[in-house]
Amino acid sequence: MKLQSKKFDNIIVLYLTGRLDVQSSIHIEKEINQLIQSEPYCHLLLDLADVKYMSSSGIRIFVSTMRILKENDKKMKLCNLSDSVKKIFEVVELLDMFDVYDSKDEAIKSF
């Protein structure tokens, strides 16, 4: 799993690539938390276009990250979910918990 970021004004877009599973989730969660600490005034947009697989560990990261951001009056949104990743959110009935957009541009405009 790779994580890259790009800043647009007060929005940080995180591009995740690969498999978000138990082994990679610990590393990814640390990186996201460090980013939140270093950019406390920014919202997050997670671009999941290149996530091929996601386990419950990945969902746990997203829920935890959203909670941290909410406590600081910041938002987290998701975009470009593949059908398989979207299905995971639907199965665990958490899709309604997140703001999900079809494109990065659409998501950025929504902030």
PDB file of N, CA and C in Angstrom:
ATOM      1  N   MET A   1       0.844  -1.171   0.000  1.00  0.00           N
ATOM      2  CA  MET A   1       0.000   0.000   0.000  1.00  0.00           C
ATOM      3  C   MET A   1       0.888   1.232   0.000  1.00  0.00           C
ATOM      4  N   LYS A   2       0.582   2.137  -0.919  1.00  0.00           N
ATOM      5  CA  LYS A   2       1.299   3.412  -0.985  1.00  0.00           C
ATOM      6  C   LYS A   2       0.330   4.536  -0.687  1.00  0.00           C
ATOM      7  N   LEU A   3       0.865   5.600  -0.088  1.00  0.00           N
ATOM      8  CA  LEU A   3       0.068   6.769   0.243  1.00  0.00           C
ATOM      9  C   LEU A   3       0.822   8.003  -0.228  1.00  0.00           C
ATOM     10  N   GLN A   4       0.157   8.787  -1.074  1.00  0.00           N
ATOM     11  CA  GLN A   4       0.723  10.055  -1.526  1.00  0.00           C
ATOM     12  C   GLN A   4      -0.275  11.144  -1.202  1.00  0.00           C
ATOM     13  N   SER A   5       0.215  12.365  -1.029  1.00  0.00           N
ATOM     14  CA  SER A   5      -0.693  13.462  -0.710  1.00  0.00           C
ATOM     15  C   SER A   5      -0.389  14.677  -1.568  1.00  0.00           C
ATOM     16  N   LYS A   6      -1.437  15.469  -1.756  1.00  0.00           N
ATOM     17  CA  LYS A   6      -1.318  16.723  -2.486  1.00  0.00           C
ATOM     18  C   LYS A   6      -2.282  17.701  -1.839  1.00  0.00           C
ATOM     19  N   LYS A   7      -1.815  18.933  -1.623  1.00  0.00           N
ATOM     20  CA  LYS A   7      -2.616  19.924  -0.927  1.00  0.00           C
ATOM     21  C   LYS A   7      -3.262  20.886  -1.928  1.00  0.00           C
ATOM     22  N   PHE A   8      -4.563  21.121  -1.740  1.00  0.00           N
ATOM     23  CA  PHE A   8      -5.329  22.094  -2.510  1.00  0.00           C
ATOM     24  C   PHE A   8      -5.959  23.043  -1.500  1.00  0.00           C
ATOM     25  N   ASP A   9      -5.403  24.240  -1.351  1.00  0.00           N
ATOM     26  CA  ASP A   9      -5.876  25.199  -0.347  1.00  0.00           C
ATOM     27  C   ASP A   9      -5.879  24.534   1.028  1.00  0.00           C
ATOM     28  N   ASN A  10      -7.067  24.380   1.633  1.00  0.00           N
ATOM     29  CA  ASN A  10      -7.133  23.764   2.969  1.00  0.00           C
ATOM     30  C   ASN A  10      -7.634  22.319   2.906  1.00  0.00           C
ATOM     31  N   ILE A  11      -7.416  21.676   1.758  1.00  0.00           N
ATOM     32  CA  ILE A  11      -7.819  20.282   1.572  1.00  0.00           C
ATOM     33  C   ILE A  11      -6.586  19.463   1.200  1.00  0.00           C
ATOM     34  N   ILE A  12      -6.392  18.373   1.891  1.00  0.00           N
ATOM     35  CA  ILE A  12      -5.315  17.456   1.539  1.00  0.00           C
ATOM     36  C   ILE A  12      -5.953  16.238   0.893  1.00  0.00           C
ATOM     37  N   VAL A  13      -5.528  15.949  -0.327  1.00  0.00           N
ATOM     38  CA  VAL A  13      -6.006  14.763  -1.026  1.00  0.00           C
ATOM     39  C   VAL A  13      -4.988  13.649  -0.795  1.00  0.00           C
ATOM     40  N   LEU A  14      -5.467  12.544  -0.266  1.00  0.00           N
ATOM     41  CA  LEU A  14      -4.619  11.377  -0.049  1.00  0.00           C
ATOM     42  C   LEU A  14      -4.948  10.351  -1.120  1.00  0.00           C
ATOM     43  N   TYR A  15      -3.935   9.956  -1.855  1.00  0.00           N
ATOM     44  CA  TYR A  15      -4.083   8.952  -2.907  1.00  0.00           C
ATOM     45  C   TYR A  15      -3.552   7.638  -2.369  1.00  0.00           C
ATOM     46  N   LEU A  16      -4.441   6.680  -2.192  1.00  0.00           N
ATOM     47  CA  LEU A  16      -4.046   5.365  -1.712  1.00  0.00           C
ATOM     48  C   LEU A  16      -3.966   4.409  -2.896  1.00  0.00           C
ATOM     49  N   THR A  17      -2.924   3.592  -2.900  1.00  0.00           N
ATOM     50  CA  THR A  17      -2.704   2.652  -4.000  1.00  0.00           C
ATOM     51  C   THR A  17      -2.363   1.282  -3.436  1.00  0.00           C
ATOM     52  N   GLY A  18      -3.059   0.255  -3.928  1.00  0.00           N
ATOM     53  CA  GLY A  18      -2.734  -1.120  -3.549  1.00  0.00           C
ATOM     54  C   GLY A  18      -3.794  -1.761  -2.694  1.00  0.00           C
ATOM     55  N   ARG A  19      -3.329  -2.587  -1.753  1.00  0.00           N
ATOM     56  CA  ARG A  19      -4.213  -3.347  -0.869  1.00  0.00           C
ATOM     57  C   ARG A  19      -4.156  -2.755   0.533  1.00  0.00           C
ATOM     58  N   LEU A  20      -5.305  -2.412   1.060  1.00  0.00           N
ATOM     59  CA  LEU A  20      -5.379  -1.892   2.420  1.00  0.00           C
ATOM     60  C   LEU A  20      -5.852  -3.030   3.319  1.00  0.00           C
ATOM     61  N   ASP A  21      -4.876  -3.743   3.877  1.00  0.00           N
ATOM     62  CA  ASP A  21      -5.182  -4.910   4.704  1.00  0.00           C
ATOM     63  C   ASP A  21      -4.574  -4.744   6.083  1.00  0.00           C
ATOM     64  N   VAL A  22      -4.604  -5.787   6.867  1.00  0.00           N
ATOM     65  CA  VAL A  22      -4.123  -5.722   8.252  1.00  0.00           C
ATOM     66  C   VAL A  22      -2.671  -5.266   8.316  1.00  0.00           C
ATOM     67  N   GLN A  23      -1.826  -5.825   7.460  1.00  0.00           N
ATOM     68  CA  GLN A  23      -0.402  -5.477   7.511  1.00  0.00           C
ATOM     69  C   GLN A  23      -0.138  -4.025   7.126  1.00  0.00           C
ATOM     70  N   SER A  24      -0.792  -3.533   6.097  1.00  0.00           N
ATOM     71  CA  SER A  24      -0.522  -2.176   5.640  1.00  0.00           C
ATOM     72  C   SER A  24      -1.272  -1.122   6.444  1.00  0.00           C
ATOM     73  N   SER A  25      -2.349  -1.501   7.110  1.00  0.00           N
ATOM     74  CA  SER A  25      -3.183  -0.506   7.789  1.00  0.00           C
ATOM     75  C   SER A  25      -2.468   0.206   8.930  1.00  0.00           C
ATOM     76  N   ILE A  26      -1.612  -0.488   9.641  1.00  0.00           N
ATOM     77  CA  ILE A  26      -0.877   0.133  10.751  1.00  0.00           C
ATOM     78  C   ILE A  26      -0.006   1.269  10.228  1.00  0.00           C
ATOM     79  N   HIS A  27       0.719   1.000   9.158  1.00  0.00           N
ATOM     80  CA  HIS A  27       1.593   2.010   8.545  1.00  0.00           C
ATOM     81  C   HIS A  27       0.774   3.178   8.002  1.00  0.00           C
ATOM     82  N   ILE A  28      -0.301   2.894   7.302  1.00  0.00           N
ATOM     83  CA  ILE A  28      -1.139   3.938   6.700  1.00  0.00           C
ATOM     84  C   ILE A  28      -1.776   4.803   7.778  1.00  0.00           C
ATOM     85  N   GLU A  29      -2.263   4.177   8.833  1.00  0.00           N
ATOM     86  CA  GLU A  29      -2.882   4.942   9.917  1.00  0.00           C
ATOM     87  C   GLU A  29      -1.879   5.900  10.561  1.00  0.00           C
ATOM     88  N   LYS A  30      -0.645   5.449  10.772  1.00  0.00           N
ATOM     89  CA  LYS A  30       0.397   6.319  11.334  1.00  0.00           C
ATOM     90  C   LYS A  30       0.657   7.509  10.419  1.00  0.00           C
ATOM     91  N   GLU A  31       0.748   7.260   9.120  1.00  0.00           N
ATOM     92  CA  GLU A  31       0.995   8.345   8.172  1.00  0.00           C
ATOM     93  C   GLU A  31      -0.151   9.354   8.168  1.00  0.00           C
ATOM     94  N   ILE A  32      -1.375   8.862   8.181  1.00  0.00           N
ATOM     95  CA  ILE A  32      -2.533   9.762   8.183  1.00  0.00           C
ATOM     96  C   ILE A  32      -2.554  10.591   9.466  1.00  0.00           C
ATOM     97  N   ASN A  33      -2.309   9.962  10.602  1.00  0.00           N
ATOM     98  CA  ASN A  33      -2.306  10.692  11.871  1.00  0.00           C
ATOM     99  C   ASN A  33      -1.202  11.747  11.916  1.00  0.00           C
ATOM    100  N   GLN A  34      -0.035  11.436  11.376  1.00  0.00           N
ATOM    101  CA  GLN A  34       1.048  12.421  11.311  1.00  0.00           C
ATOM    102  C   GLN A  34       0.655  13.596  10.423  1.00  0.00           C
ATOM    103  N   LEU A  35      -0.002  13.305   9.338  1.00  0.00           N
ATOM    104  CA  LEU A  35      -0.452  14.350   8.420  1.00  0.00           C
ATOM    105  C   LEU A  35      -1.482  15.257   9.090  1.00  0.00           C
ATOM    106  N   ILE A  36      -2.413  14.672   9.820  1.00  0.00           N
ATOM    107  CA  ILE A  36      -3.423  15.463  10.539  1.00  0.00           C
ATOM    108  C   ILE A  36      -2.753  16.369  11.566  1.00  0.00           C
ATOM    109  N   GLN A  37      -1.742  15.863  12.257  1.00  0.00           N
ATOM    110  CA  GLN A  37      -1.027  16.669  13.254  1.00  0.00           C
ATOM    111  C   GLN A  37      -0.233  17.792  12.603  1.00  0.00           C
ATOM    112  N   SER A  38       0.356  17.525  11.449  1.00  0.00           N
ATOM    113  CA  SER A  38       1.180  18.542  10.794  1.00  0.00           C
ATOM    114  C   SER A  38       0.341  19.570  10.023  1.00  0.00           C
ATOM    115  N   GLU A  39      -0.905  19.221   9.694  1.00  0.00           N
ATOM    116  CA  GLU A  39      -1.801  20.122   8.951  1.00  0.00           C
ATOM    117  C   GLU A  39      -3.149  20.203   9.681  1.00  0.00           C
ATOM    118  N   PRO A  40      -3.174  20.761  10.890  1.00  0.00           N
ATOM    119  CA  PRO A  40      -4.395  20.711  11.704  1.00  0.00           C
ATOM    120  C   PRO A  40      -5.569  21.526  11.155  1.00  0.00           C
ATOM    121  N   TYR A  41      -5.322  22.392  10.191  1.00  0.00           N
ATOM    122  CA  TYR A  41      -6.397  23.237   9.663  1.00  0.00           C
ATOM    123  C   TYR A  41      -6.959  22.715   8.350  1.00  0.00           C
ATOM    124  N   CYS A  42      -6.572  21.523   7.975  1.00  0.00           N
ATOM    125  CA  CYS A  42      -6.975  20.987   6.667  1.00  0.00           C
ATOM    126  C   CYS A  42      -8.026  19.880   6.788  1.00  0.00           C
ATOM    127  N   HIS A  43      -8.871  19.834   5.769  1.00  0.00           N
ATOM    128  CA  HIS A  43      -9.816  18.738   5.590  1.00  0.00           C
ATOM    129  C   HIS A  43      -9.102  17.644   4.809  1.00  0.00           C
ATOM    130  N   LEU A  44      -9.651  16.422   4.822  1.00  0.00           N
ATOM    131  CA  LEU A  44      -9.057  15.310   4.079  1.00  0.00           C
ATOM    132  C   LEU A  44     -10.015  14.774   3.031  1.00  0.00           C
ATOM    133  N   LEU A  45      -9.449  14.460   1.885  1.00  0.00           N
ATOM    134  CA  LEU A  45     -10.173  13.758   0.833  1.00  0.00           C
ATOM    135  C   LEU A  45      -9.359  12.518   0.500  1.00  0.00           C
ATOM    136  N   LEU A  46      -9.967  11.358   0.649  1.00  0.00           N
ATOM    137  CA  LEU A  46      -9.283  10.110   0.339  1.00  0.00           C
ATOM    138  C   LEU A  46      -9.712   9.652  -1.051  1.00  0.00           C
ATOM    139  N   ASP A  47      -8.745   9.612  -1.964  1.00  0.00           N
ATOM    140  CA  ASP A  47      -8.998   9.147  -3.323  1.00  0.00           C
ATOM    141  C   ASP A  47      -8.642   7.664  -3.364  1.00  0.00           C
ATOM    142  N   LEU A  48      -9.677   6.832  -3.548  1.00  0.00           N
ATOM    143  CA  LEU A  48      -9.501   5.386  -3.460  1.00  0.00           C
ATOM    144  C   LEU A  48      -9.521   4.706  -4.822  1.00  0.00           C
ATOM    145  N   ALA A  49      -9.265   5.466  -5.881  1.00  0.00           N
ATOM    146  CA  ALA A  49      -9.329   4.920  -7.242  1.00  0.00           C
ATOM    147  C   ALA A  49      -8.411   3.718  -7.438  1.00  0.00           C
ATOM    148  N   ASP A  50      -7.262   3.716  -6.782  1.00  0.00           N
ATOM    149  CA  ASP A  50      -6.283   2.654  -6.992  1.00  0.00           C
ATOM    150  C   ASP A  50      -6.202   1.657  -5.840  1.00  0.00           C
ATOM    151  N   VAL A  51      -7.233   1.634  -4.992  1.00  0.00           N
ATOM    152  CA  VAL A  51      -7.299   0.635  -3.928  1.00  0.00           C
ATOM    153  C   VAL A  51      -7.971  -0.598  -4.507  1.00  0.00           C
ATOM    154  N   LYS A  52      -7.229  -1.679  -4.572  1.00  0.00           N
ATOM    155  CA  LYS A  52      -7.728  -2.915  -5.179  1.00  0.00           C
ATOM    156  C   LYS A  52      -8.444  -3.818  -4.182  1.00  0.00           C
ATOM    157  N   TYR A  53      -8.091  -3.686  -2.917  1.00  0.00           N
ATOM    158  CA  TYR A  53      -8.686  -4.517  -1.873  1.00  0.00           C
ATOM    159  C   TYR A  53      -8.658  -3.741  -0.570  1.00  0.00           C
ATOM    160  N   MET A  54      -9.702  -3.904   0.242  1.00  0.00           N
ATOM    161  CA  MET A  54      -9.724  -3.262   1.547  1.00  0.00           C
ATOM    162  C   MET A  54     -10.374  -4.200   2.549  1.00  0.00           C
ATOM    163  N   SER A  55      -9.688  -4.407   3.661  1.00  0.00           N
ATOM    164  CA  SER A  55     -10.230  -5.253   4.732  1.00  0.00           C
ATOM    165  C   SER A  55     -10.927  -4.373   5.762  1.00  0.00           C
ATOM    166  N   SER A  56     -11.450  -5.001   6.786  1.00  0.00           N
ATOM    167  CA  SER A  56     -12.098  -4.246   7.866  1.00  0.00           C
ATOM    168  C   SER A  56     -11.111  -3.322   8.574  1.00  0.00           C
ATOM    169  N   SER A  57      -9.835  -3.629   8.510  1.00  0.00           N
ATOM    170  CA  SER A  57      -8.809  -2.753   9.099  1.00  0.00           C
ATOM    171  C   SER A  57      -8.802  -1.395   8.406  1.00  0.00           C
ATOM    172  N   GLY A  58      -9.009  -1.403   7.102  1.00  0.00           N
ATOM    173  CA  GLY A  58      -9.076  -0.145   6.356  1.00  0.00           C
ATOM    174  C   GLY A  58     -10.277   0.679   6.753  1.00  0.00           C
ATOM    175  N   ILE A  59     -11.408   0.023   6.906  1.00  0.00           N
ATOM    176  CA  ILE A  59     -12.616   0.733   7.333  1.00  0.00           C
ATOM    177  C   ILE A  59     -12.414   1.321   8.726  1.00  0.00           C
ATOM    178  N   ARG A  60     -11.754   0.574   9.599  1.00  0.00           N
ATOM    179  CA  ARG A  60     -11.480   1.070  10.952  1.00  0.00           C
ATOM    180  C   ARG A  60     -10.650   2.348  10.908  1.00  0.00           C
ATOM    181  N   ILE A  61      -9.673   2.396  10.011  1.00  0.00           N
ATOM    182  CA  ILE A  61      -8.850   3.601   9.856  1.00  0.00           C
ATOM    183  C   ILE A  61      -9.722   4.782   9.440  1.00  0.00           C
ATOM    184  N   PHE A  62     -10.605   4.561   8.479  1.00  0.00           N
ATOM    185  CA  PHE A  62     -11.443   5.650   7.985  1.00  0.00           C
ATOM    186  C   PHE A  62     -12.377   6.169   9.072  1.00  0.00           C
ATOM    187  N   VAL A  63     -12.969   5.261   9.847  1.00  0.00           N
ATOM    188  CA  VAL A  63     -13.876   5.666  10.924  1.00  0.00           C
ATOM    189  C   VAL A  63     -13.096   6.439  11.989  1.00  0.00           C
ATOM    190  N   SER A  64     -11.942   5.935  12.363  1.00  0.00           N
ATOM    191  CA  SER A  64     -11.101   6.588  13.364  1.00  0.00           C
ATOM    192  C   SER A  64     -10.652   7.966  12.889  1.00  0.00           C
ATOM    193  N   THR A  65     -10.217   8.062  11.645  1.00  0.00           N
ATOM    194  CA  THR A  65      -9.765   9.337  11.091  1.00  0.00           C
ATOM    195  C   THR A  65     -10.905  10.347  11.046  1.00  0.00           C
ATOM    196  N   MET A  66     -12.078   9.900  10.627  1.00  0.00           N
ATOM    197  CA  MET A  66     -13.222  10.793  10.564  1.00  0.00           C
ATOM    198  C   MET A  66     -13.565  11.319  11.956  1.00  0.00           C
ATOM    199  N   ARG A  67     -13.486  10.469  12.951  1.00  0.00           N
ATOM    200  CA  ARG A  67     -13.781  10.874  14.329  1.00  0.00           C
ATOM    201  C   ARG A  67     -12.785  11.944  14.804  1.00  0.00           C
ATOM    202  N   ILE A  68     -11.511  11.735  14.528  1.00  0.00           N
ATOM    203  CA  ILE A  68     -10.474  12.703  14.923  1.00  0.00           C
ATOM    204  C   ILE A  68     -10.730  14.050  14.246  1.00  0.00           C
ATOM    205  N   LEU A  69     -11.025  14.021  12.965  1.00  0.00           N
ATOM    206  CA  LEU A  69     -11.257  15.259  12.234  1.00  0.00           C
ATOM    207  C   LEU A  69     -12.512  15.977  12.726  1.00  0.00           C
ATOM    208  N   LYS A  70     -13.567  15.229  12.993  1.00  0.00           N
ATOM    209  CA  LYS A  70     -14.815  15.830  13.486  1.00  0.00           C
ATOM    210  C   LYS A  70     -14.597  16.556  14.797  1.00  0.00           C
ATOM    211  N   GLU A  71     -13.784  15.980  15.670  1.00  0.00           N
ATOM    212  CA  GLU A  71     -13.490  16.610  16.957  1.00  0.00           C
ATOM    213  C   GLU A  71     -12.816  17.962  16.771  1.00  0.00           C
ATOM    214  N   ASN A  72     -12.171  18.155  15.626  1.00  0.00           N
ATOM    215  CA  ASN A  72     -11.478  19.405  15.321  1.00  0.00           C
ATOM    216  C   ASN A  72     -12.211  20.229  14.266  1.00  0.00           C
ATOM    217  N   ASP A  73     -13.511  19.960  14.104  1.00  0.00           N
ATOM    218  CA  ASP A  73     -14.360  20.665  13.131  1.00  0.00           C
ATOM    219  C   ASP A  73     -13.824  20.590  11.707  1.00  0.00           C
ATOM    220  N   LYS A  74     -13.250  19.471  11.349  1.00  0.00           N
ATOM    221  CA  LYS A  74     -12.756  19.226   9.994  1.00  0.00           C
ATOM    222  C   LYS A  74     -13.549  18.082   9.386  1.00  0.00           C
ATOM    223  N   LYS A  75     -13.489  17.985   8.064  1.00  0.00           N
ATOM    224  CA  LYS A  75     -14.260  16.963   7.364  1.00  0.00           C
ATOM    225  C   LYS A  75     -13.345  16.002   6.627  1.00  0.00           C
ATOM    226  N   MET A  76     -13.874  14.800   6.415  1.00  0.00           N
ATOM    227  CA  MET A  76     -13.209  13.809   5.588  1.00  0.00           C
ATOM    228  C   MET A  76     -14.228  13.291   4.586  1.00  0.00           C
ATOM    229  N   LYS A  77     -13.818  13.220   3.337  1.00  0.00           N
ATOM    230  CA  LYS A  77     -14.680  12.715   2.284  1.00  0.00           C
ATOM    231  C   LYS A  77     -13.914  11.679   1.477  1.00  0.00           C
ATOM    232  N   LEU A  78     -14.659  10.846   0.761  1.00  0.00           N
ATOM    233  CA  LEU A  78     -14.072   9.787  -0.056  1.00  0.00           C
ATOM    234  C   LEU A  78     -14.461  10.003  -1.505  1.00  0.00           C
ATOM    235  N   CYS A  79     -13.581   9.599  -2.419  1.00  0.00           N
ATOM    236  CA  CYS A  79     -13.934   9.669  -3.835  1.00  0.00           C
ATOM    237  C   CYS A  79     -13.322   8.505  -4.601  1.00  0.00           C
ATOM    238  N   ASN A  80     -13.885   8.283  -5.792  1.00  0.00           N
ATOM    239  CA  ASN A  80     -13.378   7.277  -6.730  1.00  0.00           C
ATOM    240  C   ASN A  80     -13.329   5.866  -6.159  1.00  0.00           C
ATOM    241  N   LEU A  81     -14.373   5.471  -5.453  1.00  0.00           N
ATOM    242  CA  LEU A  81     -14.430   4.111  -4.918  1.00  0.00           C
ATOM    243  C   LEU A  81     -14.697   3.123  -6.048  1.00  0.00           C
ATOM    244  N   SER A  82     -13.888   2.084  -6.114  1.00  0.00           N
ATOM    245  CA  SER A  82     -14.146   1.014  -7.073  1.00  0.00           C
ATOM    246  C   SER A  82     -15.397   0.268  -6.618  1.00  0.00           C
ATOM    247  N   ASP A  83     -15.962  -0.513  -7.503  1.00  0.00           N
ATOM    248  CA  ASP A  83     -17.160  -1.278  -7.150  1.00  0.00           C
ATOM    249  C   ASP A  83     -16.903  -2.215  -5.980  1.00  0.00           C
ATOM    250  N   SER A  84     -15.719  -2.843  -5.962  1.00  0.00           N
ATOM    251  CA  SER A  84     -15.418  -3.799  -4.889  1.00  0.00           C
ATOM    252  C   SER A  84     -15.270  -3.097  -3.534  1.00  0.00           C
ATOM    253  N   VAL A  85     -14.639  -1.931  -3.517  1.00  0.00           N
ATOM    254  CA  VAL A  85     -14.479  -1.193  -2.262  1.00  0.00           C
ATOM    255  C   VAL A  85     -15.838  -0.650  -1.807  1.00  0.00           C
ATOM    256  N   LYS A  86     -16.613  -0.140  -2.734  1.00  0.00           N
ATOM    257  CA  LYS A  86     -17.943   0.366  -2.398  1.00  0.00           C
ATOM    258  C   LYS A  86     -18.808  -0.747  -1.800  1.00  0.00           C
ATOM    259  N   LYS A  87     -18.678  -1.937  -2.348  1.00  0.00           N
ATOM    260  CA  LYS A  87     -19.443  -3.088  -1.867  1.00  0.00           C
ATOM    261  C   LYS A  87     -19.089  -3.400  -0.410  1.00  0.00           C
ATOM    262  N   ILE A  88     -17.822  -3.269  -0.048  1.00  0.00           N
ATOM    263  CA  ILE A  88     -17.391  -3.513   1.328  1.00  0.00           C
ATOM    264  C   ILE A  88     -18.096  -2.542   2.278  1.00  0.00           C
ATOM    265  N   PHE A  89     -18.142  -1.255   1.903  1.00  0.00           N
ATOM    266  CA  PHE A  89     -18.833  -0.269   2.730  1.00  0.00           C
ATOM    267  C   PHE A  89     -20.318  -0.589   2.846  1.00  0.00           C
ATOM    268  N   GLU A  90     -20.911  -1.062   1.760  1.00  0.00           N
ATOM    269  CA  GLU A  90     -22.331  -1.410   1.783  1.00  0.00           C
ATOM    270  C   GLU A  90     -22.590  -2.616   2.683  1.00  0.00           C
ATOM    271  N   VAL A  91     -21.733  -3.623   2.596  1.00  0.00           N
ATOM    272  CA  VAL A  91     -21.915  -4.848   3.383  1.00  0.00           C
ATOM    273  C   VAL A  91     -21.855  -4.551   4.880  1.00  0.00           C
ATOM    274  N   VAL A  92     -20.948  -3.701   5.297  1.00  0.00           N
ATOM    275  CA  VAL A  92     -20.823  -3.374   6.722  1.00  0.00           C
ATOM    276  C   VAL A  92     -21.732  -2.210   7.114  1.00  0.00           C
ATOM    277  N   GLU A  93     -22.538  -1.760   6.156  1.00  0.00           N
ATOM    278  CA  GLU A  93     -23.527  -0.710   6.366  1.00  0.00           C
ATOM    279  C   GLU A  93     -22.925   0.586   6.898  1.00  0.00           C
ATOM    280  N   LEU A  94     -21.798   0.988   6.317  1.00  0.00           N
ATOM    281  CA  LEU A  94     -21.148   2.239   6.709  1.00  0.00           C
ATOM    282  C   LEU A  94     -21.084   3.254   5.569  1.00  0.00           C
ATOM    283  N   LEU A  95     -21.628   2.923   4.435  1.00  0.00           N
ATOM    284  CA  LEU A  95     -21.557   3.849   3.304  1.00  0.00           C
ATOM    285  C   LEU A  95     -22.242   5.173   3.631  1.00  0.00           C
ATOM    286  N   ASP A  96     -23.338   5.131   4.378  1.00  0.00           N
ATOM    287  CA  ASP A  96     -24.056   6.361   4.733  1.00  0.00           C
ATOM    288  C   ASP A  96     -23.295   7.231   5.718  1.00  0.00           C
ATOM    289  N   MET A  97     -22.289   6.673   6.373  1.00  0.00           N
ATOM    290  CA  MET A  97     -21.512   7.431   7.355  1.00  0.00           C
ATOM    291  C   MET A  97     -20.559   8.419   6.670  1.00  0.00           C
ATOM    292  N   PHE A  98     -20.223   8.145   5.415  1.00  0.00           N
ATOM    293  CA  PHE A  98     -19.227   8.944   4.707  1.00  0.00           C
ATOM    294  C   PHE A  98     -19.851   9.716   3.545  1.00  0.00           C
ATOM    295  N   ASP A  99     -19.278  10.871   3.259  1.00  0.00           N
ATOM    296  CA  ASP A  99     -19.628  11.598   2.044  1.00  0.00           C
ATOM    297  C   ASP A  99     -18.774  11.011   0.926  1.00  0.00           C
ATOM    298  N   VAL A 100     -19.434  10.406  -0.066  1.00  0.00           N
ATOM    299  CA  VAL A 100     -18.735   9.712  -1.145  1.00  0.00           C
ATOM    300  C   VAL A 100     -19.056  10.395  -2.470  1.00  0.00           C
ATOM    301  N   TYR A 101     -18.016  10.636  -3.271  1.00  0.00           N
ATOM    302  CA  TYR A 101     -18.159  11.316  -4.551  1.00  0.00           C
ATOM    303  C   TYR A 101     -17.534  10.480  -5.663  1.00  0.00           C
ATOM    304  N   ASP A 102     -18.072  10.654  -6.863  1.00  0.00           N
ATOM    305  CA  ASP A 102     -17.585   9.902  -8.015  1.00  0.00           C
ATOM    306  C   ASP A 102     -16.240  10.410  -8.519  1.00  0.00           C
ATOM    307  N   SER A 103     -15.948  11.696  -8.291  1.00  0.00           N
ATOM    308  CA  SER A 103     -14.688  12.253  -8.789  1.00  0.00           C
ATOM    309  C   SER A 103     -14.024  13.134  -7.733  1.00  0.00           C
ATOM    310  N   LYS A 104     -12.738  13.319  -7.899  1.00  0.00           N
ATOM    311  CA  LYS A 104     -11.970  14.173  -6.992  1.00  0.00           C
ATOM    312  C   LYS A 104     -12.445  15.620  -7.107  1.00  0.00           C
ATOM    313  N   ASP A 105     -12.665  16.092  -8.331  1.00  0.00           N
ATOM    314  CA  ASP A 105     -13.094  17.478  -8.530  1.00  0.00           C
ATOM    315  C   ASP A 105     -14.430  17.758  -7.862  1.00  0.00           C
ATOM    316  N   GLU A 106     -15.363  16.833  -8.016  1.00  0.00           N
ATOM    317  CA  GLU A 106     -16.677  16.973  -7.395  1.00  0.00           C
ATOM    318  C   GLU A 106     -16.545  17.024  -5.876  1.00  0.00           C
ATOM    319  N   ALA A 107     -15.694  16.190  -5.320  1.00  0.00           N
ATOM    320  CA  ALA A 107     -15.492  16.148  -3.871  1.00  0.00           C
ATOM    321  C   ALA A 107     -14.846  17.435  -3.375  1.00  0.00           C
ATOM    322  N   ILE A 108     -13.838  17.927  -4.066  1.00  0.00           N
ATOM    323  CA  ILE A 108     -13.164  19.154  -3.659  1.00  0.00           C
ATOM    324  C   ILE A 108     -14.147  20.325  -3.645  1.00  0.00           C
ATOM    325  N   LYS A 109     -14.970  20.421  -4.655  1.00  0.00           N
ATOM    326  CA  LYS A 109     -15.970  21.505  -4.719  1.00  0.00           C
ATOM    327  C   LYS A 109     -16.953  21.439  -3.553  1.00  0.00           C
ATOM    328  N   SER A 110     -17.204  20.242  -3.037  1.00  0.00           N
ATOM    329  CA  SER A 110     -18.194  20.068  -1.975  1.00  0.00           C
ATOM    330  C   SER A 110     -17.720  20.587  -0.611  1.00  0.00           C
ATOM    331  N   PHE A 111     -16.428  20.785  -0.445  1.00  0.00           N
ATOM    332  CA  PHE A 111     -15.929  21.279   0.832  1.00  0.00           C
ATOM    333  C   PHE A 111     -16.336  22.735   0.985  1.00  0.00           C
TER     334      PHE A 111
END
